[in-house]
Amino acid sequence: MRIASRNQRVATPLDGSSPRPESHAERNPKAKQVVADLVKHHVITLKSVVDAQAAKDQAGAYTAMRAAAGHMQMIADPLAVAIAEQFPDRFTASAK
């Protein structure tokens, strides 16, 4: 795949047209911006993984993949807090 094409595929979800942050916002309006920002950063990091793999830079790919994996917890934590705050009657312990 050409680099310009890969860049366009990454840019499209980051321009606000991605359905994923919006689907989270439908469930929890407080989470919209938090999730959108974290997903954007995660997508950029995943692009770094793909670019490093394409350049046959396995050390760079591994480093970027570890960073991308770390973002998953960064997405999950604020999302869990927002959900617990939205439905306090469903959660007995504090999520913070």
C-alpha atoms as a PDB file:
ATOM      1  CA  MET A   1       0.000   0.000   0.000  1.00  0.00           C
ATOM      2  CA  ARG A   2       1.311   3.438  -0.844  1.00  0.00           C
ATOM      3  CA  ILE A   3       2.222   5.764   2.023  1.00  0.00           C
ATOM      4  CA  ALA A   4      -0.227   8.446   0.834  1.00  0.00           C
ATOM      5  CA  SER A   5      -3.035   5.898   0.940  1.00  0.00           C
ATOM      6  CA  ARG A   6      -2.067   4.748   4.456  1.00  0.00           C
ATOM      7  CA  ASN A   7      -1.911   8.349   5.624  1.00  0.00           C
ATOM      8  CA  GLN A   8      -5.391   9.011   4.237  1.00  0.00           C
ATOM      9  CA  ARG A   9      -6.762   5.913   5.961  1.00  0.00           C
ATOM     10  CA  VAL A  10      -5.353   7.161   9.259  1.00  0.00           C
ATOM     11  CA  ALA A  11      -6.541  10.742   8.711  1.00  0.00           C
ATOM     12  CA  THR A  12     -10.150   9.773   8.005  1.00  0.00           C
ATOM     13  CA  PRO A  13     -10.956   8.473  11.510  1.00  0.00           C
ATOM     14  CA  LEU A  14      -9.105  11.421  13.021  1.00  0.00           C
ATOM     15  CA  ASP A  15     -11.099  14.094  11.197  1.00  0.00           C
ATOM     16  CA  GLY A  16     -14.166  13.484  13.330  1.00  0.00           C
ATOM     17  CA  SER A  17     -15.905  11.164  10.882  1.00  0.00           C
ATOM     18  CA  SER A  18     -15.118   7.997  12.835  1.00  0.00           C
ATOM     19  CA  PRO A  19     -18.230   6.273  14.168  1.00  0.00           C
ATOM     20  CA  ARG A  20     -16.429   4.811  17.186  1.00  0.00           C
ATOM     21  CA  PRO A  21     -16.182   7.899  19.459  1.00  0.00           C
ATOM     22  CA  GLU A  22     -19.741   8.846  18.506  1.00  0.00           C
ATOM     23  CA  SER A  23     -21.057   5.401  19.410  1.00  0.00           C
ATOM     24  CA  HIS A  24     -19.473   5.764  22.861  1.00  0.00           C
ATOM     25  CA  ALA A  25     -20.979   9.240  23.169  1.00  0.00           C
ATOM     26  CA  GLU A  26     -24.463   7.901  22.485  1.00  0.00           C
ATOM     27  CA  ARG A  27     -24.024   5.646  25.503  1.00  0.00           C
ATOM     28  CA  ASN A  28     -22.239   8.240  27.619  1.00  0.00           C
ATOM     29  CA  PRO A  29     -22.072  11.887  26.513  1.00  0.00           C
ATOM     30  CA  LYS A  30     -19.311  12.705  29.066  1.00  0.00           C
ATOM     31  CA  ALA A  31     -16.996  10.186  27.443  1.00  0.00           C
ATOM     32  CA  LYS A  32     -17.125  11.609  23.905  1.00  0.00           C
ATOM     33  CA  GLN A  33     -14.119  13.951  23.964  1.00  0.00           C
ATOM     34  CA  VAL A  34     -12.028  11.778  26.247  1.00  0.00           C
ATOM     35  CA  VAL A  35     -12.520   8.710  24.075  1.00  0.00           C
ATOM     36  CA  ALA A  36     -12.026  10.651  20.837  1.00  0.00           C
ATOM     37  CA  ASP A  37      -8.719  12.131  22.026  1.00  0.00           C
ATOM     38  CA  LEU A  38      -7.380   8.825  23.322  1.00  0.00           C
ATOM     39  CA  VAL A  39      -8.435   6.888  20.217  1.00  0.00           C
ATOM     40  CA  LYS A  40      -6.786   9.529  18.008  1.00  0.00           C
ATOM     41  CA  HIS A  41      -3.494   9.158  19.880  1.00  0.00           C
ATOM     42  CA  HIS A  42      -3.803   5.361  19.739  1.00  0.00           C
ATOM     43  CA  VAL A  43      -4.413   5.374  15.957  1.00  0.00           C
ATOM     44  CA  ILE A  44      -1.378   7.578  15.376  1.00  0.00           C
ATOM     45  CA  THR A  45       0.742   5.178  17.425  1.00  0.00           C
ATOM     46  CA  LEU A  46      -0.602   2.179  15.506  1.00  0.00           C
ATOM     47  CA  LYS A  47       0.341   3.940  12.281  1.00  0.00           C
ATOM     48  CA  SER A  48       3.872   4.155  13.643  1.00  0.00           C
ATOM     49  CA  VAL A  49       3.821   0.372  14.108  1.00  0.00           C
ATOM     50  CA  VAL A  50       2.744  -0.186  10.512  1.00  0.00           C
ATOM     51  CA  ASP A  51       5.265   2.317   9.152  1.00  0.00           C
ATOM     52  CA  ALA A  52       8.098   0.685  11.124  1.00  0.00           C
ATOM     53  CA  GLN A  53       7.046  -2.767   9.913  1.00  0.00           C
ATOM     54  CA  ALA A  54       6.955  -1.510   6.315  1.00  0.00           C
ATOM     55  CA  ALA A  55      10.480  -0.146   6.780  1.00  0.00           C
ATOM     56  CA  LYS A  56      11.540  -3.526   8.230  1.00  0.00           C
ATOM     57  CA  ASP A  57      12.434  -1.764  11.498  1.00  0.00           C
ATOM     58  CA  GLN A  58      11.410  -4.479  13.928  1.00  0.00           C
ATOM     59  CA  ALA A  59      12.838  -2.714  16.983  1.00  0.00           C
ATOM     60  CA  GLY A  60      10.873   0.426  16.126  1.00  0.00           C
ATOM     61  CA  ALA A  61       7.742  -1.630  15.441  1.00  0.00           C
ATOM     62  CA  TYR A  62       8.027  -3.364  18.808  1.00  0.00           C
ATOM     63  CA  THR A  63       8.557  -0.078  20.670  1.00  0.00           C
ATOM     64  CA  ALA A  64       5.542   1.519  18.968  1.00  0.00           C
ATOM     65  CA  MET A  65       3.426  -1.588  19.571  1.00  0.00           C
ATOM     66  CA  ARG A  66       4.203  -1.491  23.305  1.00  0.00           C
ATOM     67  CA  ALA A  67       3.152   2.176  23.383  1.00  0.00           C
ATOM     68  CA  ALA A  68      -0.065   1.377  21.500  1.00  0.00           C
ATOM     69  CA  ALA A  69      -0.856  -1.461  23.909  1.00  0.00           C
ATOM     70  CA  GLY A  70      -0.426   0.941  26.808  1.00  0.00           C
ATOM     71  CA  HIS A  71      -3.021   3.243  25.284  1.00  0.00           C
ATOM     72  CA  MET A  72      -5.675   0.576  25.646  1.00  0.00           C
ATOM     73  CA  GLN A  73      -5.567   0.959  29.429  1.00  0.00           C
ATOM     74  CA  MET A  74      -5.518   4.743  29.016  1.00  0.00           C
ATOM     75  CA  ILE A  75      -8.775   4.428  27.046  1.00  0.00           C
ATOM     76  CA  ALA A  76     -10.351   1.910  29.411  1.00  0.00           C
ATOM     77  CA  ASP A  77      -9.721   3.795  32.667  1.00  0.00           C
ATOM     78  CA  PRO A  78     -11.534   7.091  31.915  1.00  0.00           C
ATOM     79  CA  LEU A  79     -14.255   5.209  30.059  1.00  0.00           C
ATOM     80  CA  ALA A  80     -14.856   3.009  33.124  1.00  0.00           C
ATOM     81  CA  VAL A  81     -15.053   6.077  35.378  1.00  0.00           C
ATOM     82  CA  ALA A  82     -17.495   7.805  33.012  1.00  0.00           C
ATOM     83  CA  ILE A  83     -19.707   4.709  32.858  1.00  0.00           C
ATOM     84  CA  ALA A  84     -19.648   4.304  36.649  1.00  0.00           C
ATOM     85  CA  GLU A  85     -20.602   7.973  37.066  1.00  0.00           C
ATOM     86  CA  GLN A  86     -23.403   7.624  34.522  1.00  0.00           C
ATOM     87  CA  PHE A  87     -24.833   4.567  36.302  1.00  0.00           C
ATOM     88  CA  PRO A  88     -23.944   4.972  40.004  1.00  0.00           C
ATOM     89  CA  ASP A  89     -26.743   2.601  41.075  1.00  0.00           C
ATOM     90  CA  ARG A  90     -25.096  -0.237  39.124  1.00  0.00           C
ATOM     91  CA  PHE A  91     -21.645   0.146  40.716  1.00  0.00           C
ATOM     92  CA  THR A  92     -21.142  -0.122  44.471  1.00  0.00           C
ATOM     93  CA  ALA A  93     -17.417   0.753  44.584  1.00  0.00           C
ATOM     94  CA  SER A  94     -15.793   3.945  43.384  1.00  0.00           C
ATOM     95  CA  ALA A  95     -14.177   3.628  39.943  1.00  0.00           C
ATOM     96  CA  LYS A  96     -11.819   6.545  40.605  1.00  0.00           C
END
